[in-house]
Amino acid sequence: MTRIAIAGTDRVFIGGAGASLLLVLQEAGHPIATSCGGVATCGLCKITVQQGKEQLSPICPAEINHLGSIAKIVGLRLACQAHCSGEGDVRIEVPEVEDVAARKAAKAERLRQLRHGNQGGRR
């Protein structure tokens, strides 16, 4: 079993051998971005491994494709491709999940307000 701690929180999860970090986080109800369902095609489930990378599977070519060759050096991983493989502790940083729908709605509202402001000046 691998103990997975989320940096900046007191949350700790247990990952069984072979479980992806994405699956562990999703089953525990911790928010993490993904749109491909864990097949390494979207790159949204990017995390940073701060400690314990030796407790995870080695970085794979799909991760290098999404994250760049510096990923190994700075600890970037795709949660869907990082699998628990050892007994020990891992500490990861998980970015906040962006609410895309809310962002788009706010942008649409700003554009509406701009249009209404411009129409008033055309009279």
Foldseek 3Di string as FASTA:
>chain_A
DEWEAEPPDRDIWDADFFDFQVVRCVVVVHDFDDDPVQPLPPLRRKKAWPDDLVQWDDADPSQCVNPNPCCVVRRIHRSSRTGGHHYYYIYMYGDDDDPVVVVVVVVVVVVVVVVVVVVVVVD
